[in-house]
C-alpha atoms as a PDB file:
ATOM      1  CA  UNK A   1      -8.126   4.812  33.900  1.00  0.00           C
ATOM      2  CA  UNK A   2      -8.026   3.970  30.585  1.00  0.00           C
ATOM      3  CA  UNK A   3     -11.177   4.853  28.490  1.00  0.00           C
ATOM      4  CA  UNK A   4     -12.938   2.190  25.873  1.00  0.00           C
ATOM      5  CA  UNK A   5     -10.925   1.441  23.410  1.00  0.00           C
ATOM      6  CA  UNK A   6     -11.399  -0.750  20.394  1.00  0.00           C
ATOM      7  CA  UNK A   7      -9.873  -2.890  17.762  1.00  0.00           C
ATOM      8  CA  UNK A   8     -11.962  -2.188  14.594  1.00  0.00           C
ATOM      9  CA  UNK A   9     -10.610  -4.130  11.372  1.00  0.00           C
ATOM     10  CA  UNK A  10     -12.619  -7.763   9.471  1.00  0.00           C
ATOM     11  CA  UNK A  11     -12.852 -11.009  11.345  1.00  0.00           C
ATOM     12  CA  UNK A  12     -10.018 -12.411   9.526  1.00  0.00           C
ATOM     13  CA  UNK A  13      -7.971 -10.277  10.926  1.00  0.00           C
ATOM     14  CA  UNK A  14      -9.123 -10.195  14.162  1.00  0.00           C
ATOM     15  CA  UNK A  15      -8.672 -14.150  14.296  1.00  0.00           C
ATOM     16  CA  UNK A  16      -5.113 -13.529  13.125  1.00  0.00           C
ATOM     17  CA  UNK A  17      -2.455 -14.382  16.175  1.00  0.00           C
ATOM     18  CA  UNK A  18      -0.963 -10.294  15.373  1.00  0.00           C
ATOM     19  CA  UNK A  19      -4.064  -9.392  16.412  1.00  0.00           C
ATOM     20  CA  UNK A  20      -5.042 -11.233  19.678  1.00  0.00           C
ATOM     21  CA  UNK A  21      -1.215 -11.150  20.557  1.00  0.00           C
ATOM     22  CA  UNK A  22      -1.605  -7.014  20.938  1.00  0.00           C
ATOM     23  CA  UNK A  23      -5.182  -7.345  22.798  1.00  0.00           C
ATOM     24  CA  UNK A  24      -3.240  -9.701  25.519  1.00  0.00           C
ATOM     25  CA  UNK A  25      -0.468  -6.676  25.317  1.00  0.00           C
ATOM     26  CA  UNK A  26      -3.273  -4.518  25.682  1.00  0.00           C
ATOM     27  CA  UNK A  27      -4.829  -6.563  28.490  1.00  0.00           C
ATOM     28  CA  UNK A  28      -1.266  -5.994  30.531  1.00  0.00           C
ATOM     29  CA  UNK A  29      -1.670  -2.561  30.695  1.00  0.00           C
ATOM     30  CA  UNK A  30      -5.037  -2.407  32.088  1.00  0.00           C
ATOM     31  CA  UNK A  31      -6.727  -2.406  28.256  1.00  0.00           C
ATOM     32  CA  UNK A  32      -9.584  -4.089  27.601  1.00  0.00           C
ATOM     33  CA  UNK A  33     -10.017  -3.424  23.636  1.00  0.00           C
ATOM     34  CA  UNK A  34     -13.680  -3.772  22.231  1.00  0.00           C
ATOM     35  CA  UNK A  35     -13.961  -5.689  18.988  1.00  0.00           C
ATOM     36  CA  UNK A  36     -16.250  -3.649  16.083  1.00  0.00           C
ATOM     37  CA  UNK A  37     -16.838  -5.639  13.037  1.00  0.00           C
ATOM     38  CA  UNK A  38     -16.039  -4.293   9.156  1.00  0.00           C
ATOM     39  CA  UNK A  39     -18.224  -5.555   7.049  1.00  0.00           C
ATOM     40  CA  UNK A  40     -18.255  -5.822   3.249  1.00  0.00           C
ATOM     41  CA  UNK A  41     -20.025  -3.162   1.865  1.00  0.00           C
ATOM     42  CA  UNK A  42     -19.744  -1.083   4.752  1.00  0.00           C
ATOM     43  CA  UNK A  43     -16.833   1.729   4.072  1.00  0.00           C
ATOM     44  CA  UNK A  44     -19.163   4.316   5.352  1.00  0.00           C
ATOM     45  CA  UNK A  45     -19.610   3.016   8.269  1.00  0.00           C
ATOM     46  CA  UNK A  46     -15.965   2.551   9.437  1.00  0.00           C
ATOM     47  CA  UNK A  47     -15.989   5.877  10.880  1.00  0.00           C
ATOM     48  CA  UNK A  48     -19.455   5.628  12.896  1.00  0.00           C
ATOM     49  CA  UNK A  49     -17.479   2.308  14.553  1.00  0.00           C
ATOM     50  CA  UNK A  50     -14.181   4.578  15.643  1.00  0.00           C
ATOM     51  CA  UNK A  51     -15.928   7.661  16.058  1.00  0.00           C
ATOM     52  CA  UNK A  52     -17.042   6.680  20.099  1.00  0.00           C
ATOM     53  CA  UNK A  53     -13.668   5.382  21.468  1.00  0.00           C
ATOM     54  CA  UNK A  54     -10.264   7.171  21.700  1.00  0.00           C
ATOM     55  CA  UNK A  55      -7.688   4.284  21.627  1.00  0.00           C
ATOM     56  CA  UNK A  56      -7.859   2.993  18.317  1.00  0.00           C
ATOM     57  CA  UNK A  57      -6.203   0.203  16.732  1.00  0.00           C
ATOM     58  CA  UNK A  58      -7.859   0.233  12.624  1.00  0.00           C
ATOM     59  CA  UNK A  59      -7.569  -0.858   9.414  1.00  0.00           C
ATOM     60  CA  UNK A  60      -7.270   2.490   7.585  1.00  0.00           C
ATOM     61  CA  UNK A  61     -10.121   4.205   7.383  1.00  0.00           C
ATOM     62  CA  UNK A  62     -10.174   7.168   4.392  1.00  0.00           C
ATOM     63  CA  UNK A  63     -13.016   8.722   5.714  1.00  0.00           C
ATOM     64  CA  UNK A  64     -11.075  11.317   7.312  1.00  0.00           C
ATOM     65  CA  UNK A  65      -7.541  12.485   6.109  1.00  0.00           C
ATOM     66  CA  UNK A  66      -4.399  11.170   8.998  1.00  0.00           C
ATOM     67  CA  UNK A  67      -4.043  14.246  10.559  1.00  0.00           C
ATOM     68  CA  UNK A  68      -7.544  14.011  11.629  1.00  0.00           C
ATOM     69  CA  UNK A  69      -7.120  11.118  13.405  1.00  0.00           C
ATOM     70  CA  UNK A  70      -3.623  11.629  14.895  1.00  0.00           C
ATOM     71  CA  UNK A  71      -5.386  14.807  16.185  1.00  0.00           C
ATOM     72  CA  UNK A  72      -8.649  13.648  17.858  1.00  0.00           C
ATOM     73  CA  UNK A  73      -7.520   9.888  18.659  1.00  0.00           C
ATOM     74  CA  UNK A  74      -5.091   7.733  20.378  1.00  0.00           C
ATOM     75  CA  UNK A  75      -4.678   6.224  16.275  1.00  0.00           C
ATOM     76  CA  UNK A  76      -2.702   2.819  15.183  1.00  0.00           C
ATOM     77  CA  UNK A  77      -2.712   2.153  11.515  1.00  0.00           C
ATOM     78  CA  UNK A  78      -3.668  -1.151  10.433  1.00  0.00           C
ATOM     79  CA  UNK A  79      -3.142  -2.422   7.528  1.00  0.00           C
ATOM     80  CA  UNK A  80      -2.753  -5.321   4.860  1.00  0.00           C
ATOM     81  CA  UNK A  81       0.918  -5.947   3.865  1.00  0.00           C
ATOM     82  CA  UNK A  82       2.212  -4.081   1.340  1.00  0.00           C
ATOM     83  CA  UNK A  83       4.553  -7.449   0.165  1.00  0.00           C
ATOM     84  CA  UNK A  84       3.147 -10.500   1.337  1.00  0.00           C
ATOM     85  CA  UNK A  85      -0.649  -9.721   1.621  1.00  0.00           C
ATOM     86  CA  UNK A  86      -2.081 -12.232   4.303  1.00  0.00           C
ATOM     87  CA  UNK A  87       1.288 -12.897   5.573  1.00  0.00           C
ATOM     88  CA  UNK A  88       2.010  -9.832   7.512  1.00  0.00           C
ATOM     89  CA  UNK A  89       0.528  -6.483   8.006  1.00  0.00           C
ATOM     90  CA  UNK A  90       1.760  -3.025   8.548  1.00  0.00           C
ATOM     91  CA  UNK A  91       1.551  -0.900  11.351  1.00  0.00           C
ATOM     92  CA  UNK A  92       1.712   2.668  11.844  1.00  0.00           C
ATOM     93  CA  UNK A  93       2.103   4.683  14.584  1.00  0.00           C
ATOM     94  CA  UNK A  94       1.928   8.086  12.847  1.00  0.00           C
ATOM     95  CA  UNK A  95       0.451   7.546   9.607  1.00  0.00           C
ATOM     96  CA  UNK A  96      -0.537   5.950   6.384  1.00  0.00           C
ATOM     97  CA  UNK A  97       1.029   6.418   2.969  1.00  0.00           C
ATOM     98  CA  UNK A  98       2.720  10.251   2.792  1.00  0.00           C
ATOM     99  CA  UNK A  99       2.528  10.680   6.483  1.00  0.00           C
ATOM    100  CA  UNK A 100       3.853   7.265   7.463  1.00  0.00           C
ATOM    101  CA  UNK A 101       7.297   6.907   9.563  1.00  0.00           C
ATOM    102  CA  UNK A 102       8.607   5.307   6.661  1.00  0.00           C
ATOM    103  CA  UNK A 103       7.941   8.235   4.779  1.00  0.00           C
ATOM    104  CA  UNK A 104       8.378  10.902   7.694  1.00  0.00           C
ATOM    105  CA  UNK A 105      11.455   9.615   9.440  1.00  0.00           C
ATOM    106  CA  UNK A 106      13.135   8.444   5.960  1.00  0.00           C
ATOM    107  CA  UNK A 107      13.474   4.993   6.264  1.00  0.00           C
ATOM    108  CA  UNK A 108      12.671   4.207   2.772  1.00  0.00           C
ATOM    109  CA  UNK A 109      15.739   6.377   2.115  1.00  0.00           C
ATOM    110  CA  UNK A 110      17.792   3.432   4.292  1.00  0.00           C
ATOM    111  CA  UNK A 111      20.946   1.769   2.311  1.00  0.00           C
ATOM    112  CA  UNK A 112      20.150  -1.919   3.139  1.00  0.00           C
ATOM    113  CA  UNK A 113      23.514  -3.852   2.236  1.00  0.00           C
ATOM    114  CA  UNK A 114      23.357  -6.648  -0.880  1.00  0.00           C
ATOM    115  CA  UNK A 115      23.193  -9.493   1.974  1.00  0.00           C
ATOM    116  CA  UNK A 116      20.325  -7.651   2.872  1.00  0.00           C
ATOM    117  CA  UNK A 117      18.432  -7.718  -0.285  1.00  0.00           C
ATOM    118  CA  UNK A 118      19.387 -11.041  -0.972  1.00  0.00           C
ATOM    119  CA  UNK A 119      17.723 -11.747   2.138  1.00  0.00           C
ATOM    120  CA  UNK A 120      14.152  -9.897   1.289  1.00  0.00           C
ATOM    121  CA  UNK A 121      14.325 -11.281  -2.517  1.00  0.00           C
ATOM    122  CA  UNK A 122      14.465 -14.906  -2.110  1.00  0.00           C
ATOM    123  CA  UNK A 123      11.459 -14.278   1.094  1.00  0.00           C
ATOM    124  CA  UNK A 124       9.459 -12.550  -1.990  1.00  0.00           C
ATOM    125  CA  UNK A 125      10.693 -15.437  -4.637  1.00  0.00           C
ATOM    126  CA  UNK A 126       8.862 -17.899  -1.832  1.00  0.00           C
ATOM    127  CA  UNK A 127       5.508 -16.665  -1.520  1.00  0.00           C
ATOM    128  CA  UNK A 128       5.514 -16.143  -5.636  1.00  0.00           C
ATOM    129  CA  UNK A 129       7.464 -13.236  -6.816  1.00  0.00           C
ATOM    130  CA  UNK A 130       8.744 -13.769 -10.491  1.00  0.00           C
ATOM    131  CA  UNK A 131      11.649 -11.559 -12.338  1.00  0.00           C
ATOM    132  CA  UNK A 132      11.294 -11.302 -16.055  1.00  0.00           C
ATOM    133  CA  UNK A 133      14.847 -11.232 -17.979  1.00  0.00           C
ATOM    134  CA  UNK A 134      14.678  -8.479 -18.899  1.00  0.00           C
ATOM    135  CA  UNK A 135      11.900  -5.303 -19.074  1.00  0.00           C
ATOM    136  CA  UNK A 136      10.831  -4.978 -22.433  1.00  0.00           C
ATOM    137  CA  UNK A 137      11.327  -1.656 -24.525  1.00  0.00           C
ATOM    138  CA  UNK A 138       8.092  -2.567 -26.758  1.00  0.00           C
ATOM    139  CA  UNK A 139       5.637  -3.397 -24.228  1.00  0.00           C
ATOM    140  CA  UNK A 140       2.889  -1.356 -23.839  1.00  0.00           C
ATOM    141  CA  UNK A 141       1.801   0.883 -20.497  1.00  0.00           C
ATOM    142  CA  UNK A 142       0.369  -0.622 -18.143  1.00  0.00           C
ATOM    143  CA  UNK A 143      -2.063   1.237 -15.995  1.00  0.00           C
ATOM    144  CA  UNK A 144      -2.704  -0.088 -12.569  1.00  0.00           C
ATOM    145  CA  UNK A 145      -6.159   0.949 -10.531  1.00  0.00           C
ATOM    146  CA  UNK A 146      -7.238   0.644  -7.106  1.00  0.00           C
ATOM    147  CA  UNK A 147     -11.466  -0.104  -7.203  1.00  0.00           C
ATOM    148  CA  UNK A 148     -11.650   4.178  -6.106  1.00  0.00           C
ATOM    149  CA  UNK A 149     -13.632   5.233  -9.105  1.00  0.00           C
ATOM    150  CA  UNK A 150     -12.920   9.002  -8.604  1.00  0.00           C
ATOM    151  CA  UNK A 151      -9.365   8.682  -8.327  1.00  0.00           C
ATOM    152  CA  UNK A 152      -8.870   5.899 -10.794  1.00  0.00           C
ATOM    153  CA  UNK A 153     -11.200   8.014 -13.625  1.00  0.00           C
ATOM    154  CA  UNK A 154      -8.145  11.031 -12.582  1.00  0.00           C
ATOM    155  CA  UNK A 155      -5.752   8.939 -13.422  1.00  0.00           C
ATOM    156  CA  UNK A 156      -6.823   7.509 -16.504  1.00  0.00           C
ATOM    157  CA  UNK A 157      -7.138  11.180 -17.676  1.00  0.00           C
ATOM    158  CA  UNK A 158      -3.884  12.037 -17.030  1.00  0.00           C
ATOM    159  CA  UNK A 159      -2.828   9.148 -18.833  1.00  0.00           C
ATOM    160  CA  UNK A 160      -5.027   9.635 -21.417  1.00  0.00           C
ATOM    161  CA  UNK A 161      -3.434  13.403 -22.044  1.00  0.00           C
ATOM    162  CA  UNK A 162       0.261  12.745 -20.829  1.00  0.00           C
ATOM    163  CA  UNK A 163       1.557   9.354 -22.454  1.00  0.00           C
ATOM    164  CA  UNK A 164       3.119   8.767 -25.708  1.00  0.00           C
ATOM    165  CA  UNK A 165       0.195   8.579 -28.390  1.00  0.00           C
ATOM    166  CA  UNK A 166       1.806   5.252 -29.778  1.00  0.00           C
ATOM    167  CA  UNK A 167       2.003   3.346 -27.381  1.00  0.00           C
ATOM    168  CA  UNK A 168      -0.186   0.456 -26.713  1.00  0.00           C
ATOM    169  CA  UNK A 169      -2.338   1.326 -23.480  1.00  0.00           C
ATOM    170  CA  UNK A 170      -3.546  -1.603 -21.217  1.00  0.00           C
ATOM    171  CA  UNK A 171      -5.710  -0.989 -18.202  1.00  0.00           C
ATOM    172  CA  UNK A 172      -5.770  -3.501 -15.127  1.00  0.00           C
ATOM    173  CA  UNK A 173      -8.365  -3.288 -13.009  1.00  0.00           C
ATOM    174  CA  UNK A 174      -8.206  -3.614  -9.128  1.00  0.00           C
ATOM    175  CA  UNK A 175      -9.227  -7.565  -8.015  1.00  0.00           C
ATOM    176  CA  UNK A 176     -11.953  -6.031  -5.483  1.00  0.00           C
ATOM    177  CA  UNK A 177     -13.965  -4.994  -8.602  1.00  0.00           C
ATOM    178  CA  UNK A 178     -15.382  -8.029 -10.032  1.00  0.00           C
ATOM    179  CA  UNK A 179     -16.406  -6.808 -12.945  1.00  0.00           C
ATOM    180  CA  UNK A 180     -14.805  -4.023 -15.282  1.00  0.00           C
ATOM    181  CA  UNK A 181     -15.901  -0.167 -14.357  1.00  0.00           C
ATOM    182  CA  UNK A 182     -17.750   0.970 -16.971  1.00  0.00           C
ATOM    183  CA  UNK A 183     -15.785   4.081 -17.260  1.00  0.00           C
ATOM    184  CA  UNK A 184     -13.020   2.199 -17.993  1.00  0.00           C
ATOM    185  CA  UNK A 185     -14.210   0.689 -20.904  1.00  0.00           C
ATOM    186  CA  UNK A 186     -15.227   4.245 -22.193  1.00  0.00           C
ATOM    187  CA  UNK A 187     -11.710   4.899 -21.840  1.00  0.00           C
ATOM    188  CA  UNK A 188     -10.521   2.267 -24.677  1.00  0.00           C
ATOM    189  CA  UNK A 189     -13.531   2.903 -26.910  1.00  0.00           C
ATOM    190  CA  UNK A 190     -12.115   6.474 -27.212  1.00  0.00           C
ATOM    191  CA  UNK A 191      -8.393   5.470 -27.498  1.00  0.00           C
ATOM    192  CA  UNK A 192      -7.861   2.567 -29.743  1.00  0.00           C
ATOM    193  CA  UNK A 193      -4.854   1.703 -28.488  1.00  0.00           C
ATOM    194  CA  UNK A 194      -6.370   1.253 -25.071  1.00  0.00           C
ATOM    195  CA  UNK A 195      -7.405  -1.903 -23.971  1.00  0.00           C
ATOM    196  CA  UNK A 196      -8.442  -4.033 -20.695  1.00  0.00           C
ATOM    197  CA  UNK A 197      -6.184  -6.409 -19.497  1.00  0.00           C
ATOM    198  CA  UNK A 198      -6.330 -10.282 -20.061  1.00  0.00           C
ATOM    199  CA  UNK A 199      -3.693 -11.083 -18.225  1.00  0.00           C
ATOM    200  CA  UNK A 200      -4.938 -12.558 -14.653  1.00  0.00           C
ATOM    201  CA  UNK A 201      -1.684 -13.298 -13.512  1.00  0.00           C
ATOM    202  CA  UNK A 202      -0.393  -9.812 -12.556  1.00  0.00           C
ATOM    203  CA  UNK A 203       3.625 -11.218 -12.448  1.00  0.00           C
ATOM    204  CA  UNK A 204       3.113 -11.891 -15.912  1.00  0.00           C
ATOM    205  CA  UNK A 205       0.750  -9.063 -17.064  1.00  0.00           C
ATOM    206  CA  UNK A 206       3.415  -6.463 -15.076  1.00  0.00           C
ATOM    207  CA  UNK A 207       6.670  -8.134 -17.061  1.00  0.00           C
ATOM    208  CA  UNK A 208       4.734  -7.545 -20.561  1.00  0.00           C
ATOM    209  CA  UNK A 209       4.682  -3.842 -19.800  1.00  0.00           C
ATOM    210  CA  UNK A 210       7.215  -1.335 -20.545  1.00  0.00           C
ATOM    211  CA  UNK A 211       6.374   1.009 -17.348  1.00  0.00           C
ATOM    212  CA  UNK A 212       3.702   1.128 -14.847  1.00  0.00           C
ATOM    213  CA  UNK A 213       1.306   3.613 -14.369  1.00  0.00           C
ATOM    214  CA  UNK A 214      -0.514   3.963 -10.466  1.00  0.00           C
ATOM    215  CA  UNK A 215      -1.655   6.509  -8.234  1.00  0.00           C
ATOM    216  CA  UNK A 216      -0.685   4.537  -5.097  1.00  0.00           C
ATOM    217  CA  UNK A 217      -0.769   0.876  -4.961  1.00  0.00           C
ATOM    218  CA  UNK A 218       1.501  -1.900  -3.984  1.00  0.00           C
ATOM    219  CA  UNK A 219       2.054  -3.501  -8.166  1.00  0.00           C
ATOM    220  CA  UNK A 220       4.809  -0.458  -7.929  1.00  0.00           C
ATOM    221  CA  UNK A 221       6.771  -2.840  -5.592  1.00  0.00           C
ATOM    222  CA  UNK A 222       5.983  -5.385  -7.468  1.00  0.00           C
ATOM    223  CA  UNK A 223       7.350  -4.013 -10.699  1.00  0.00           C
ATOM    224  CA  UNK A 224       9.947  -2.621  -8.929  1.00  0.00           C
ATOM    225  CA  UNK A 225      10.945  -6.445  -7.657  1.00  0.00           C
ATOM    226  CA  UNK A 226      11.063  -7.095 -11.765  1.00  0.00           C
ATOM    227  CA  UNK A 227      13.321  -4.078 -12.185  1.00  0.00           C
ATOM    228  CA  UNK A 228      10.288  -2.526 -14.371  1.00  0.00           C
ATOM    229  CA  UNK A 229       9.661   1.746 -14.938  1.00  0.00           C
ATOM    230  CA  UNK A 230       6.955   3.058 -12.379  1.00  0.00           C
ATOM    231  CA  UNK A 231       5.176   6.047 -12.457  1.00  0.00           C
ATOM    232  CA  UNK A 232       2.929   7.554  -9.585  1.00  0.00           C
ATOM    233  CA  UNK A 233       0.730   9.820  -9.720  1.00  0.00           C
ATOM    234  CA  UNK A 234       0.210  10.083  -5.929  1.00  0.00           C
ATOM    235  CA  UNK A 235       2.254  10.441  -3.122  1.00  0.00           C
ATOM    236  CA  UNK A 236       2.976   7.471  -1.238  1.00  0.00           C
ATOM    237  CA  UNK A 237       5.794   4.656   0.712  1.00  0.00           C
ATOM    238  CA  UNK A 238       7.108   5.579  -1.819  1.00  0.00           C
ATOM    239  CA  UNK A 239       7.946   9.518  -1.522  1.00  0.00           C
ATOM    240  CA  UNK A 240      11.196  10.809  -1.070  1.00  0.00           C
ATOM    241  CA  UNK A 241      12.825   8.569  -3.008  1.00  0.00           C
ATOM    242  CA  UNK A 242      13.960   8.121  -6.732  1.00  0.00           C
ATOM    243  CA  UNK A 243      12.848   4.189  -6.729  1.00  0.00           C
ATOM    244  CA  UNK A 244       9.591   5.649  -8.962  1.00  0.00           C
ATOM    245  CA  UNK A 245       9.000   9.125 -11.367  1.00  0.00           C
ATOM    246  CA  UNK A 246       6.681  10.724  -9.389  1.00  0.00           C
ATOM    247  CA  UNK A 247       4.385  12.938 -11.071  1.00  0.00           C
ATOM    248  CA  UNK A 248       2.367  13.793  -8.358  1.00  0.00           C
ATOM    249  CA  UNK A 249       3.368  17.575  -8.258  1.00  0.00           C
ATOM    250  CA  UNK A 250       3.763  17.740 -11.847  1.00  0.00           C
ATOM    251  CA  UNK A 251       1.574  15.211 -13.982  1.00  0.00           C
ATOM    252  CA  UNK A 252       3.580  16.202 -17.419  1.00  0.00           C
ATOM    253  CA  UNK A 253       6.108  14.533 -16.558  1.00  0.00           C
ATOM    254  CA  UNK A 254       4.375  11.514 -17.802  1.00  0.00           C
ATOM    255  CA  UNK A 255       5.018  12.702 -21.139  1.00  0.00           C
ATOM    256  CA  UNK A 256       8.780  11.559 -20.606  1.00  0.00           C
ATOM    257  CA  UNK A 257       7.906   8.431 -19.146  1.00  0.00           C
ATOM    258  CA  UNK A 258      10.174   6.988 -22.168  1.00  0.00           C
ATOM    259  CA  UNK A 259      12.863   8.683 -21.088  1.00  0.00           C
ATOM    260  CA  UNK A 260      12.726   7.645 -17.278  1.00  0.00           C
ATOM    261  CA  UNK A 261      15.457   5.133 -16.518  1.00  0.00           C
ATOM    262  CA  UNK A 262      14.706   2.548 -13.355  1.00  0.00           C
ATOM    263  CA  UNK A 263      16.703   2.971 -10.802  1.00  0.00           C
ATOM    264  CA  UNK A 264      17.865  -0.832  -9.375  1.00  0.00           C
ATOM    265  CA  UNK A 265      19.612   0.568  -5.679  1.00  0.00           C
ATOM    266  CA  UNK A 266      16.395   3.154  -4.493  1.00  0.00           C
ATOM    267  CA  UNK A 267      14.034   0.292  -5.314  1.00  0.00           C
ATOM    268  CA  UNK A 268      15.901  -2.142  -3.772  1.00  0.00           C
ATOM    269  CA  UNK A 269      15.669  -0.248  -0.656  1.00  0.00           C
ATOM    270  CA  UNK A 270      12.188   1.345  -0.838  1.00  0.00           C
ATOM    271  CA  UNK A 271      11.474  -2.660  -1.038  1.00  0.00           C
ATOM    272  CA  UNK A 272      13.622  -3.649   1.905  1.00  0.00           C
ATOM    273  CA  UNK A 273      12.338  -0.671   4.053  1.00  0.00           C
ATOM    274  CA  UNK A 274       8.334  -1.953   3.841  1.00  0.00           C
ATOM    275  CA  UNK A 275       9.574  -5.872   4.678  1.00  0.00           C
ATOM    276  CA  UNK A 276      11.682  -4.705   7.994  1.00  0.00           C
ATOM    277  CA  UNK A 277       8.623  -2.278   8.424  1.00  0.00           C
ATOM    278  CA  UNK A 278       5.553  -5.315   8.304  1.00  0.00           C
ATOM    279  CA  UNK A 279       5.092  -7.425  11.023  1.00  0.00           C
ATOM    280  CA  UNK A 280       4.229 -11.345  10.604  1.00  0.00           C
ATOM    281  CA  UNK A 281       0.431 -11.738  11.169  1.00  0.00           C
ATOM    282  CA  UNK A 282       1.778 -15.242  12.782  1.00  0.00           C
ATOM    283  CA  UNK A 283       3.231 -12.677  15.583  1.00  0.00           C
ATOM    284  CA  UNK A 284       2.180 -14.184  18.834  1.00  0.00           C
ATOM    285  CA  UNK A 285       5.050 -13.344  21.495  1.00  0.00           C
ATOM    286  CA  UNK A 286       3.679 -10.597  23.526  1.00  0.00           C
ATOM    287  CA  UNK A 287       7.156  -9.419  23.903  1.00  0.00           C
ATOM    288  CA  UNK A 288       7.671  -8.888  20.284  1.00  0.00           C
ATOM    289  CA  UNK A 289       5.355  -6.726  19.863  1.00  0.00           C
ATOM    290  CA  UNK A 290       5.460  -4.150  22.755  1.00  0.00           C
ATOM    291  CA  UNK A 291       9.369  -4.223  21.199  1.00  0.00           C
ATOM    292  CA  UNK A 292       7.190  -3.094  18.002  1.00  0.00           C
ATOM    293  CA  UNK A 293       8.137   0.403  17.924  1.00  0.00           C
ATOM    294  CA  UNK A 294       4.541   1.472  16.316  1.00  0.00           C
ATOM    295  CA  UNK A 295       2.546  -0.307  19.002  1.00  0.00           C
ATOM    296  CA  UNK A 296       4.488   0.906  22.077  1.00  0.00           C
ATOM    297  CA  UNK A 297       4.120   4.394  20.842  1.00  0.00           C
ATOM    298  CA  UNK A 298       0.427   3.772  21.051  1.00  0.00           C
ATOM    299  CA  UNK A 299       0.549   2.540  24.390  1.00  0.00           C
ATOM    300  CA  UNK A 300       2.755   5.073  25.272  1.00  0.00           C
ATOM    301  CA  UNK A 301      -0.001   7.562  23.982  1.00  0.00           C
ATOM    302  CA  UNK A 302      -2.958   5.862  25.240  1.00  0.00           C
ATOM    303  CA  UNK A 303      -5.551   8.409  27.009  1.00  0.00           C
ATOM    304  CA  UNK A 304      -7.428   8.561  29.603  1.00  0.00           C
ATOM    305  CA  UNK A 305     -10.974   8.854  30.833  1.00  0.00           C
END
């Protein structure tokens, strides 16, 4: 007998055709999925909601490392689409970011054909992605934050220490931050050539930038799409590729960001891999979801009571 299982996510995600289809698919295997609702401001309670269940389809929970989830639970990682938020979701039976199947199995280094690239890029244009004519070599550095204060402060400190001092630096807060964090204002006060981003449109903000610096943020995919160089200070879906300047093991590489040259093909391959391994939010076919390798792996690992 399969032990009690749960879907743990936000109400709008739970109501999506994709999640409802996964629940119906589970039912075909005798698995009844309880719903545990996430609420804004309850991030600290996320783990408590997961703890009672052996089989979990859950929004990515940062309370514990991925290794913990894999060792103690049959965990299917669920997260926002990395390219088209709200229109797709990311499923992974292995982990998230550096521990995802995209990285573990080298999908992010797969060589996609020009036709594949055109199809993916055309789709992204239909959902509003914008490509500028060229990178502004004299533009400012753009730092993209993630509304995780400890990690954001670490990133700002690295940039303050290693980025070329004669270049303008712009800090872009995460959309989840309703107001500008106080620590951002202090960095701007202490660095005369630093300022907060005043451009609301993310594509216009990135387009005028010489380079984007992040920990690990979906902003990198938009920048790569535009041909803007990216430096990443933490490991993520890009790990193992040459699509970005990977500073995760050596932050001093930020010193040489002006010498780093954007590489088109690895960037295209990474974006295509993310797109290929995304699942439409409107998926409503049980047969289709059962053919998804990540969902199928999770079904195979169902833990009994």
